[in-house]
Amino acid sequence: MRSGLNLRMHTASLLRRVFSRRFLKFGTVGVSGIVVNQGVLYVAQEYVFHVSHVPGEVNWLGLNLSLGMAIFFATLNNFFWNRLWTWADRKQHYDRPWLVQFGQYTLSCGLSIALQIIFTNLLAPHIYYMIANFIAIVFTSVLNFLLNDIWTFGRVKMTHHAEAHRDRE
């Protein structure tokens, strides 16, 4: 009986997180990341790595370097905006080195990207691939948000604060 109640409470907590104002902020930051990604990709392809415009001819090295640069800057953009805006109320994380947080954020994003590819490939044989990808994006975005809300920008446990207070005495 108690485990059923705990499951319902955890489910309700997760649903409150997903259907929150914070999730809308997370989505807004995600859209800004798309703009950064597309802008960096264009500049890198057109001016930095000069990807060929001849039909059928692709400079794979240049294209992949451009993609890597675009993904890096979009991830950096999203991390800092999420840190400064989406989870701004969790100031206790400013005590932790931002590079550690960025590593956690990047791992969360990497997991979401990998799962998006897997889910799209699993669903595509059964439904139109664009719809399959959209479903995968929605699912992995929710997962990415929850991972960052709980792990990267999660609340520090009260025991940590109590220990710090005790050490000062």
N, C-alpha and C. Protein backbone atom coordinates (compact mmCIF):
# COMPACT_ATOMS: atom_id res chain seq x y z
N MET A 1 0.84 -1.20 0.00
CA MET A 1 0.00 0.00 0.00
C MET A 1 0.88 1.25 0.00
N ARG A 2 1.90 1.25 0.85
CA ARG A 2 2.77 2.42 0.96
C ARG A 2 3.55 2.65 -0.33
N SER A 3 4.02 1.58 -0.99
CA SER A 3 4.78 1.74 -2.23
C SER A 3 3.90 2.31 -3.33
N GLY A 4 2.62 1.95 -3.35
CA GLY A 4 1.69 2.51 -4.33
C GLY A 4 1.50 4.00 -4.13
N LEU A 5 1.42 4.41 -2.87
CA LEU A 5 1.28 5.83 -2.54
C LEU A 5 2.55 6.58 -2.95
N ASN A 6 3.71 6.00 -2.66
CA ASN A 6 4.98 6.63 -3.05
C ASN A 6 5.08 6.78 -4.56
N LEU A 7 4.66 5.77 -5.31
CA LEU A 7 4.69 5.83 -6.77
C LEU A 7 3.80 6.95 -7.28
N ARG A 8 2.61 7.07 -6.71
CA ARG A 8 1.69 8.15 -7.13
C ARG A 8 2.27 9.53 -6.81
N MET A 9 2.92 9.63 -5.64
CA MET A 9 3.51 10.92 -5.25
C MET A 9 4.67 11.28 -6.18
N HIS A 10 5.51 10.31 -6.52
CA HIS A 10 6.63 10.57 -7.44
C HIS A 10 6.10 10.92 -8.83
N THR A 11 5.07 10.23 -9.29
CA THR A 11 4.48 10.52 -10.59
C THR A 11 3.89 11.92 -10.61
N ALA A 12 3.17 12.29 -9.57
CA ALA A 12 2.59 13.63 -9.47
C ALA A 12 3.69 14.69 -9.47
N SER A 13 4.78 14.42 -8.77
CA SER A 13 5.91 15.36 -8.72
C SER A 13 6.52 15.54 -10.11
N LEU A 14 6.71 14.45 -10.83
CA LEU A 14 7.27 14.54 -12.19
C LEU A 14 6.34 15.30 -13.13
N LEU A 15 5.04 15.06 -13.02
CA LEU A 15 4.08 15.76 -13.87
C LEU A 15 4.05 17.25 -13.56
N ARG A 16 4.15 17.61 -12.28
CA ARG A 16 4.21 19.04 -11.91
C ARG A 16 5.43 19.70 -12.52
N ARG A 17 6.56 18.98 -12.54
CA ARG A 17 7.78 19.53 -13.13
C ARG A 17 7.60 19.78 -14.62
N VAL A 18 7.01 18.81 -15.31
CA VAL A 18 6.87 18.91 -16.77
C VAL A 18 5.88 20.00 -17.15
N PHE A 19 4.76 20.09 -16.45
CA PHE A 19 3.75 21.08 -16.79
C PHE A 19 3.95 22.34 -15.94
N SER A 20 5.14 22.88 -16.00
CA SER A 20 5.47 24.05 -15.18
C SER A 20 5.93 25.20 -16.06
N ARG A 21 6.00 26.34 -15.43
CA ARG A 21 6.53 27.53 -16.09
C ARG A 21 8.00 27.33 -16.48
N ARG A 22 8.71 26.61 -15.63
CA ARG A 22 10.12 26.32 -15.87
C ARG A 22 10.29 25.54 -17.18
N PHE A 23 9.39 24.60 -17.45
CA PHE A 23 9.48 23.82 -18.69
C PHE A 23 9.27 24.73 -19.90
N LEU A 24 8.39 25.71 -19.79
CA LEU A 24 8.20 26.67 -20.89
C LEU A 24 9.47 27.49 -21.11
N LYS A 25 10.14 27.88 -20.04
CA LYS A 25 11.41 28.59 -20.16
C LYS A 25 12.44 27.69 -20.85
N PHE A 26 12.49 26.43 -20.42
CA PHE A 26 13.41 25.46 -21.01
C PHE A 26 13.16 25.34 -22.52
N GLY A 27 11.91 25.29 -22.92
CA GLY A 27 11.56 25.22 -24.34
C GLY A 27 11.95 26.47 -25.09
N THR A 28 11.77 27.62 -24.48
CA THR A 28 12.16 28.89 -25.10
C THR A 28 13.66 28.94 -25.32
N VAL A 29 14.42 28.50 -24.32
CA VAL A 29 15.87 28.44 -24.46
C VAL A 29 16.24 27.47 -25.57
N GLY A 30 15.52 26.35 -25.67
CA GLY A 30 15.77 25.39 -26.73
C GLY A 30 15.58 25.99 -28.11
N VAL A 31 14.57 26.83 -28.27
CA VAL A 31 14.35 27.51 -29.55
C VAL A 31 15.51 28.46 -29.85
N SER A 32 16.01 29.16 -28.84
CA SER A 32 17.16 30.04 -29.06
C SER A 32 18.38 29.22 -29.48
N GLY A 33 18.49 28.01 -28.95
CA GLY A 33 19.58 27.12 -29.34
C GLY A 33 19.50 26.71 -30.80
N ILE A 34 18.29 26.54 -31.29
CA ILE A 34 18.10 26.21 -32.72
C ILE A 34 18.60 27.36 -33.57
N VAL A 35 18.28 28.59 -33.18
CA VAL A 35 18.73 29.77 -33.92
C VAL A 35 20.26 29.85 -33.93
N VAL A 36 20.88 29.64 -32.76
CA VAL A 36 22.34 29.66 -32.67
C VAL A 36 22.92 28.54 -33.53
N ASN A 37 22.36 27.35 -33.43
CA ASN A 37 22.85 26.20 -34.19
C ASN A 37 22.81 26.49 -35.69
N GLN A 38 21.69 26.96 -36.18
CA GLN A 38 21.55 27.22 -37.61
C GLN A 38 22.47 28.35 -38.08
N GLY A 39 22.60 29.39 -37.25
CA GLY A 39 23.47 30.51 -37.61
C GLY A 39 24.93 30.11 -37.67
N VAL A 40 25.40 29.38 -36.67
CA VAL A 40 26.80 28.93 -36.65
C VAL A 40 27.05 27.94 -37.79
N LEU A 41 26.10 27.05 -38.03
CA LEU A 41 26.25 26.08 -39.12
C LEU A 41 26.41 26.80 -40.46
N TYR A 42 25.58 27.80 -40.70
CA TYR A 42 25.66 28.55 -41.97
C TYR A 42 27.00 29.27 -42.10
N VAL A 43 27.40 30.01 -41.07
CA VAL A 43 28.66 30.76 -41.12
C VAL A 43 29.84 29.82 -41.28
N ALA A 44 29.84 28.72 -40.52
CA ALA A 44 30.95 27.78 -40.60
C ALA A 44 31.04 27.14 -41.98
N GLN A 45 29.90 26.79 -42.56
CA GLN A 45 29.91 26.15 -43.88
C GLN A 45 30.29 27.14 -44.98
N GLU A 46 29.71 28.31 -44.91
CA GLU A 46 29.90 29.28 -46.00
C GLU A 46 31.24 30.01 -45.94
N TYR A 47 31.74 30.29 -44.73
CA TYR A 47 32.91 31.16 -44.62
C TYR A 47 34.13 30.52 -43.95
N VAL A 48 33.93 29.51 -43.11
CA VAL A 48 35.06 28.94 -42.38
C VAL A 48 35.60 27.69 -43.07
N PHE A 49 34.72 26.74 -43.34
CA PHE A 49 35.17 25.47 -43.90
C PHE A 49 34.84 25.31 -45.39
N HIS A 50 34.13 26.26 -45.97
CA HIS A 50 33.83 26.29 -47.41
C HIS A 50 33.33 24.96 -47.94
N VAL A 51 32.20 24.52 -47.45
CA VAL A 51 31.61 23.29 -47.94
C VAL A 51 31.18 23.50 -49.38
N SER A 52 31.48 22.52 -50.23
CA SER A 52 31.22 22.61 -51.67
C SER A 52 29.73 22.79 -51.96
N HIS A 53 29.43 23.62 -52.95
CA HIS A 53 28.05 23.83 -53.39
C HIS A 53 27.76 23.10 -54.70
N VAL A 54 28.70 22.32 -55.18
CA VAL A 54 28.50 21.56 -56.40
C VAL A 54 27.58 20.39 -56.08
N PRO A 55 26.46 20.26 -56.82
CA PRO A 55 25.53 19.15 -56.54
C PRO A 55 26.24 17.80 -56.57
N GLY A 56 25.99 16.99 -55.57
CA GLY A 56 26.58 15.66 -55.49
C GLY A 56 27.97 15.64 -54.89
N GLU A 57 28.55 16.81 -54.68
CA GLU A 57 29.89 16.89 -54.10
C GLU A 57 29.80 17.49 -52.71
N VAL A 58 30.20 16.72 -51.71
CA VAL A 58 30.12 17.19 -50.33
C VAL A 58 31.49 17.07 -49.68
N ASN A 59 31.91 18.13 -49.04
CA ASN A 59 33.14 18.12 -48.26
C ASN A 59 32.75 17.61 -46.87
N TRP A 60 32.82 16.28 -46.66
CA TRP A 60 32.33 15.67 -45.43
C TRP A 60 33.08 16.17 -44.20
N LEU A 61 34.36 16.37 -44.32
CA LEU A 61 35.13 16.87 -43.19
C LEU A 61 34.65 18.27 -42.80
N GLY A 62 34.52 19.14 -43.79
CA GLY A 62 34.04 20.50 -43.53
C GLY A 62 32.64 20.52 -42.96
N LEU A 63 31.77 19.68 -43.51
CA LEU A 63 30.40 19.62 -43.03
C LEU A 63 30.36 19.15 -41.57
N ASN A 64 31.10 18.10 -41.26
CA ASN A 64 31.08 17.59 -39.89
C ASN A 64 31.75 18.54 -38.91
N LEU A 65 32.79 19.25 -39.33
CA LEU A 65 33.38 20.27 -38.47
C LEU A 65 32.39 21.41 -38.22
N SER A 66 31.66 21.79 -39.26
CA SER A 66 30.63 22.83 -39.12
C SER A 66 29.53 22.38 -38.17
N LEU A 67 29.09 21.13 -38.32
CA LEU A 67 28.06 20.60 -37.43
C LEU A 67 28.55 20.55 -35.98
N GLY A 68 29.77 20.08 -35.79
CA GLY A 68 30.33 20.03 -34.44
C GLY A 68 30.39 21.40 -33.80
N MET A 69 30.82 22.38 -34.57
CA MET A 69 30.91 23.75 -34.06
C MET A 69 29.51 24.28 -33.73
N ALA A 70 28.54 24.01 -34.61
CA ALA A 70 27.17 24.49 -34.39
C ALA A 70 26.57 23.86 -33.14
N ILE A 71 26.76 22.56 -32.97
CA ILE A 71 26.22 21.87 -31.80
C ILE A 71 26.89 22.38 -30.53
N PHE A 72 28.20 22.57 -30.56
CA PHE A 72 28.92 23.07 -29.39
C PHE A 72 28.39 24.44 -28.95
N PHE A 73 28.29 25.38 -29.89
CA PHE A 73 27.84 26.72 -29.52
C PHE A 73 26.37 26.75 -29.10
N ALA A 74 25.54 25.91 -29.72
CA ALA A 74 24.14 25.84 -29.32
C ALA A 74 24.02 25.26 -27.91
N THR A 75 24.81 24.23 -27.60
CA THR A 75 24.79 23.63 -26.27
C THR A 75 25.29 24.63 -25.23
N LEU A 76 26.34 25.35 -25.54
CA LEU A 76 26.87 26.38 -24.64
C LEU A 76 25.83 27.47 -24.40
N ASN A 77 25.20 27.94 -25.47
CA ASN A 77 24.13 28.93 -25.38
C ASN A 77 23.01 28.44 -24.46
N ASN A 78 22.55 27.22 -24.72
CA ASN A 78 21.43 26.69 -23.94
C ASN A 78 21.81 26.50 -22.48
N PHE A 79 23.02 26.02 -22.23
CA PHE A 79 23.46 25.82 -20.85
C PHE A 79 23.44 27.14 -20.08
N PHE A 80 24.06 28.16 -20.63
CA PHE A 80 24.14 29.43 -19.89
C PHE A 80 22.78 30.08 -19.71
N TRP A 81 21.92 30.05 -20.75
CA TRP A 81 20.59 30.63 -20.59
C TRP A 81 19.76 29.83 -19.59
N ASN A 82 19.86 28.50 -19.64
CA ASN A 82 19.13 27.71 -18.65
C ASN A 82 19.65 27.97 -17.25
N ARG A 83 20.93 28.13 -17.11
CA ARG A 83 21.53 28.40 -15.79
C ARG A 83 21.11 29.78 -15.28
N LEU A 84 21.12 30.78 -16.17
CA LEU A 84 20.82 32.15 -15.76
C LEU A 84 19.33 32.48 -15.69
N TRP A 85 18.50 31.73 -16.43
CA TRP A 85 17.09 32.10 -16.51
C TRP A 85 16.17 30.97 -16.05
N THR A 86 16.27 29.80 -16.69
CA THR A 86 15.35 28.71 -16.38
C THR A 86 15.47 28.27 -14.93
N TRP A 87 16.70 28.11 -14.45
CA TRP A 87 16.93 27.66 -13.07
C TRP A 87 17.61 28.75 -12.25
N ALA A 88 17.28 30.01 -12.51
CA ALA A 88 17.90 31.13 -11.81
C ALA A 88 17.62 31.11 -10.31
N ASP A 89 16.50 30.52 -9.91
CA ASP A 89 16.15 30.51 -8.49
C ASP A 89 16.98 29.52 -7.68
N ARG A 90 17.76 28.72 -8.34
CA ARG A 90 18.59 27.72 -7.64
C ARG A 90 20.03 28.21 -7.57
N LYS A 91 20.22 29.31 -6.88
CA LYS A 91 21.52 29.99 -6.79
C LYS A 91 22.60 29.15 -6.10
N GLN A 92 22.20 28.16 -5.30
CA GLN A 92 23.19 27.36 -4.59
C GLN A 92 24.12 26.64 -5.55
N HIS A 93 23.72 26.50 -6.80
CA HIS A 93 24.58 25.82 -7.77
C HIS A 93 25.69 26.71 -8.30
N TYR A 94 25.64 27.99 -7.98
CA TYR A 94 26.73 28.86 -8.41
C TYR A 94 27.99 28.59 -7.61
N ASP A 95 27.86 27.88 -6.49
CA ASP A 95 29.04 27.50 -5.71
C ASP A 95 29.81 26.38 -6.40
N ARG A 96 29.12 25.60 -7.22
CA ARG A 96 29.74 24.50 -7.94
C ARG A 96 30.37 25.05 -9.22
N PRO A 97 31.55 24.57 -9.61
CA PRO A 97 32.18 25.06 -10.84
C PRO A 97 31.26 24.89 -12.05
N TRP A 98 31.15 25.93 -12.86
CA TRP A 98 30.25 25.87 -14.01
C TRP A 98 30.67 24.79 -14.99
N LEU A 99 31.97 24.47 -15.03
CA LEU A 99 32.44 23.44 -15.95
C LEU A 99 31.88 22.07 -15.56
N VAL A 100 31.74 21.81 -14.27
CA VAL A 100 31.13 20.56 -13.80
C VAL A 100 29.67 20.51 -14.23
N GLN A 101 28.96 21.61 -14.01
CA GLN A 101 27.56 21.68 -14.43
C GLN A 101 27.44 21.53 -15.94
N PHE A 102 28.33 22.16 -16.69
CA PHE A 102 28.29 22.07 -18.14
C PHE A 102 28.49 20.61 -18.58
N GLY A 103 29.37 19.90 -17.89
CA GLY A 103 29.58 18.49 -18.19
C GLY A 103 28.31 17.68 -17.96
N GLN A 104 27.62 17.94 -16.85
CA GLN A 104 26.36 17.25 -16.57
C GLN A 104 25.32 17.60 -17.63
N TYR A 105 25.26 18.87 -17.98
CA TYR A 105 24.29 19.32 -18.97
C TYR A 105 24.55 18.64 -20.32
N THR A 106 25.83 18.58 -20.71
CA THR A 106 26.20 17.96 -21.98
C THR A 106 25.87 16.47 -21.99
N LEU A 107 26.13 15.79 -20.87
CA LEU A 107 25.77 14.36 -20.79
C LEU A 107 24.27 14.17 -20.92
N SER A 108 23.49 15.03 -20.28
CA SER A 108 22.03 14.94 -20.39
C SER A 108 21.59 15.14 -21.83
N CYS A 109 22.15 16.14 -22.49
CA CYS A 109 21.80 16.40 -23.89
C CYS A 109 22.23 15.24 -24.79
N GLY A 110 23.42 14.71 -24.54
CA GLY A 110 23.91 13.59 -25.34
C GLY A 110 23.02 12.37 -25.22
N LEU A 111 22.57 12.08 -24.00
CA LEU A 111 21.66 10.97 -23.79
C LEU A 111 20.36 11.20 -24.55
N SER A 112 19.84 12.42 -24.48
CA SER A 112 18.60 12.75 -25.17
C SER A 112 18.74 12.63 -26.69
N ILE A 113 19.87 13.06 -27.22
CA ILE A 113 20.11 12.95 -28.66
C ILE A 113 20.17 11.48 -29.08
N ALA A 114 20.90 10.67 -28.31
CA ALA A 114 21.01 9.25 -28.62
C ALA A 114 19.63 8.58 -28.58
N LEU A 115 18.84 8.89 -27.56
CA LEU A 115 17.51 8.30 -27.44
C LEU A 115 16.58 8.79 -28.56
N GLN A 116 16.73 10.04 -28.97
CA GLN A 116 15.92 10.55 -30.08
C GLN A 116 16.19 9.73 -31.34
N ILE A 117 17.44 9.45 -31.61
CA ILE A 117 17.80 8.65 -32.79
C ILE A 117 17.21 7.24 -32.67
N ILE A 118 17.35 6.64 -31.50
CA ILE A 118 16.84 5.28 -31.28
C ILE A 118 15.32 5.24 -31.43
N PHE A 119 14.61 6.16 -30.75
CA PHE A 119 13.15 6.16 -30.81
C PHE A 119 12.63 6.45 -32.21
N THR A 120 13.26 7.36 -32.91
CA THR A 120 12.84 7.66 -34.27
C THR A 120 12.98 6.41 -35.14
N ASN A 121 14.11 5.72 -35.01
CA ASN A 121 14.32 4.51 -35.81
C ASN A 121 13.37 3.39 -35.41
N LEU A 122 12.99 3.29 -34.16
CA LEU A 122 12.04 2.27 -33.73
C LEU A 122 10.62 2.56 -34.21
N LEU A 123 10.25 3.85 -34.23
CA LEU A 123 8.89 4.22 -34.61
C LEU A 123 8.70 4.35 -36.12
N ALA A 124 9.75 4.73 -36.84
CA ALA A 124 9.63 5.02 -38.28
C ALA A 124 9.07 3.87 -39.12
N PRO A 125 9.37 2.63 -38.83
CA PRO A 125 8.76 1.56 -39.65
C PRO A 125 7.24 1.46 -39.48
N HIS A 126 6.71 2.07 -38.42
CA HIS A 126 5.29 1.93 -38.12
C HIS A 126 4.47 3.18 -38.43
N ILE A 127 5.12 4.34 -38.39
CA ILE A 127 4.42 5.60 -38.69
C ILE A 127 5.35 6.48 -39.54
N TYR A 128 4.78 7.51 -40.15
CA TYR A 128 5.53 8.43 -41.00
C TYR A 128 6.76 8.94 -40.22
N TYR A 129 7.91 8.94 -40.86
CA TYR A 129 9.17 9.24 -40.15
C TYR A 129 9.19 10.62 -39.50
N MET A 130 8.53 11.61 -40.10
CA MET A 130 8.50 12.95 -39.50
C MET A 130 7.70 12.93 -38.18
N ILE A 131 6.60 12.19 -38.18
CA ILE A 131 5.80 12.07 -36.96
C ILE A 131 6.59 11.27 -35.92
N ALA A 132 7.28 10.23 -36.37
CA ALA A 132 8.10 9.44 -35.46
C ALA A 132 9.17 10.31 -34.80
N ASN A 133 9.81 11.15 -35.60
CA ASN A 133 10.83 12.03 -35.06
C ASN A 133 10.23 13.06 -34.11
N PHE A 134 9.06 13.60 -34.44
CA PHE A 134 8.42 14.57 -33.56
C PHE A 134 8.10 13.94 -32.20
N ILE A 135 7.56 12.73 -32.21
CA ILE A 135 7.26 12.03 -30.96
C ILE A 135 8.55 11.81 -30.16
N ALA A 136 9.60 11.42 -30.85
CA ALA A 136 10.88 11.20 -30.18
C ALA A 136 11.42 12.50 -29.58
N ILE A 137 11.27 13.61 -30.30
CA ILE A 137 11.73 14.91 -29.79
C ILE A 137 10.95 15.30 -28.54
N VAL A 138 9.64 15.13 -28.57
CA VAL A 138 8.82 15.48 -27.40
C VAL A 138 9.24 14.64 -26.20
N PHE A 139 9.34 13.34 -26.39
CA PHE A 139 9.71 12.45 -25.29
C PHE A 139 11.09 12.79 -24.75
N THR A 140 12.06 12.95 -25.63
CA THR A 140 13.43 13.20 -25.17
C THR A 140 13.60 14.61 -24.60
N SER A 141 12.80 15.57 -25.07
CA SER A 141 12.85 16.91 -24.48
C SER A 141 12.37 16.87 -23.04
N VAL A 142 11.31 16.13 -22.80
CA VAL A 142 10.80 15.98 -21.43
C VAL A 142 11.86 15.29 -20.57
N LEU A 143 12.46 14.22 -21.10
CA LEU A 143 13.51 13.52 -20.37
C LEU A 143 14.70 14.43 -20.10
N ASN A 144 15.12 15.20 -21.10
CA ASN A 144 16.25 16.13 -20.95
C ASN A 144 15.93 17.17 -19.88
N PHE A 145 14.72 17.70 -19.90
CA PHE A 145 14.32 18.67 -18.89
C PHE A 145 14.38 18.05 -17.49
N LEU A 146 13.82 16.85 -17.33
CA LEU A 146 13.80 16.20 -16.02
C LEU A 146 15.22 15.90 -15.53
N LEU A 147 16.09 15.42 -16.42
CA LEU A 147 17.47 15.15 -16.03
C LEU A 147 18.17 16.42 -15.54
N ASN A 148 17.95 17.51 -16.28
CA ASN A 148 18.59 18.76 -15.87
C ASN A 148 17.94 19.34 -14.62
N ASP A 149 16.63 19.20 -14.49
CA ASP A 149 15.94 19.73 -13.32
C ASP A 149 16.33 18.96 -12.06
N ILE A 150 16.55 17.67 -12.19
CA ILE A 150 16.87 16.85 -11.02
C ILE A 150 18.38 16.79 -10.78
N TRP A 151 19.17 16.60 -11.86
CA TRP A 151 20.60 16.32 -11.70
C TRP A 151 21.47 17.57 -11.86
N THR A 152 21.43 18.21 -13.03
CA THR A 152 22.31 19.34 -13.30
C THR A 152 22.00 20.54 -12.42
N PHE A 153 20.72 20.92 -12.36
CA PHE A 153 20.33 22.10 -11.59
C PHE A 153 19.45 21.73 -10.40
N GLY A 154 19.50 20.47 -9.97
CA GLY A 154 18.65 19.99 -8.88
C GLY A 154 18.92 20.71 -7.58
N ARG A 155 17.94 20.65 -6.74
CA ARG A 155 18.08 21.28 -5.43
C ARG A 155 19.10 20.51 -4.59
N VAL A 156 19.92 21.24 -3.89
CA VAL A 156 20.89 20.62 -2.99
C VAL A 156 20.12 20.08 -1.79
N LYS A 157 20.46 18.88 -1.38
CA LYS A 157 19.78 18.25 -0.25
C LYS A 157 19.97 19.08 1.02
N MET A 158 18.94 19.09 1.84
CA MET A 158 18.99 19.85 3.09
C MET A 158 20.10 19.34 4.00
N THR A 159 20.44 18.06 3.92
CA THR A 159 21.51 17.54 4.77
C THR A 159 22.83 18.22 4.45
N HIS A 160 23.03 18.58 3.17
CA HIS A 160 24.25 19.28 2.77
C HIS A 160 24.30 20.64 3.46
N HIS A 161 23.18 21.36 3.47
CA HIS A 161 23.12 22.67 4.12
C HIS A 161 23.30 22.52 5.64
N ALA A 162 22.69 21.48 6.21
CA ALA A 162 22.81 21.27 7.65
C ALA A 162 24.26 20.96 8.03
N GLU A 163 24.95 20.17 7.21
CA GLU A 163 26.35 19.86 7.48
C GLU A 163 27.21 21.12 7.38
N ALA A 164 26.95 21.95 6.38
CA ALA A 164 27.72 23.19 6.22
C ALA A 164 27.49 24.11 7.42
N HIS A 165 26.23 24.18 7.88
CA HIS A 165 25.91 25.02 9.04
C HIS A 165 26.62 24.48 10.29
N ARG A 166 26.61 23.17 10.46
CA ARG A 166 27.24 22.54 11.60
C ARG A 166 28.75 22.78 11.58
N ASP A 167 29.37 22.74 10.40
CA ASP A 167 30.81 22.96 10.29
C ASP A 167 31.21 24.38 10.69
N ARG A 168 30.32 25.35 10.47
CA ARG A 168 30.62 26.74 10.79
C ARG A 168 30.55 26.99 12.29
N GLU A 169 29.83 26.14 13.01
CA GLU A 169 29.65 26.38 14.45
C GLU A 169 30.87 26.00 15.24
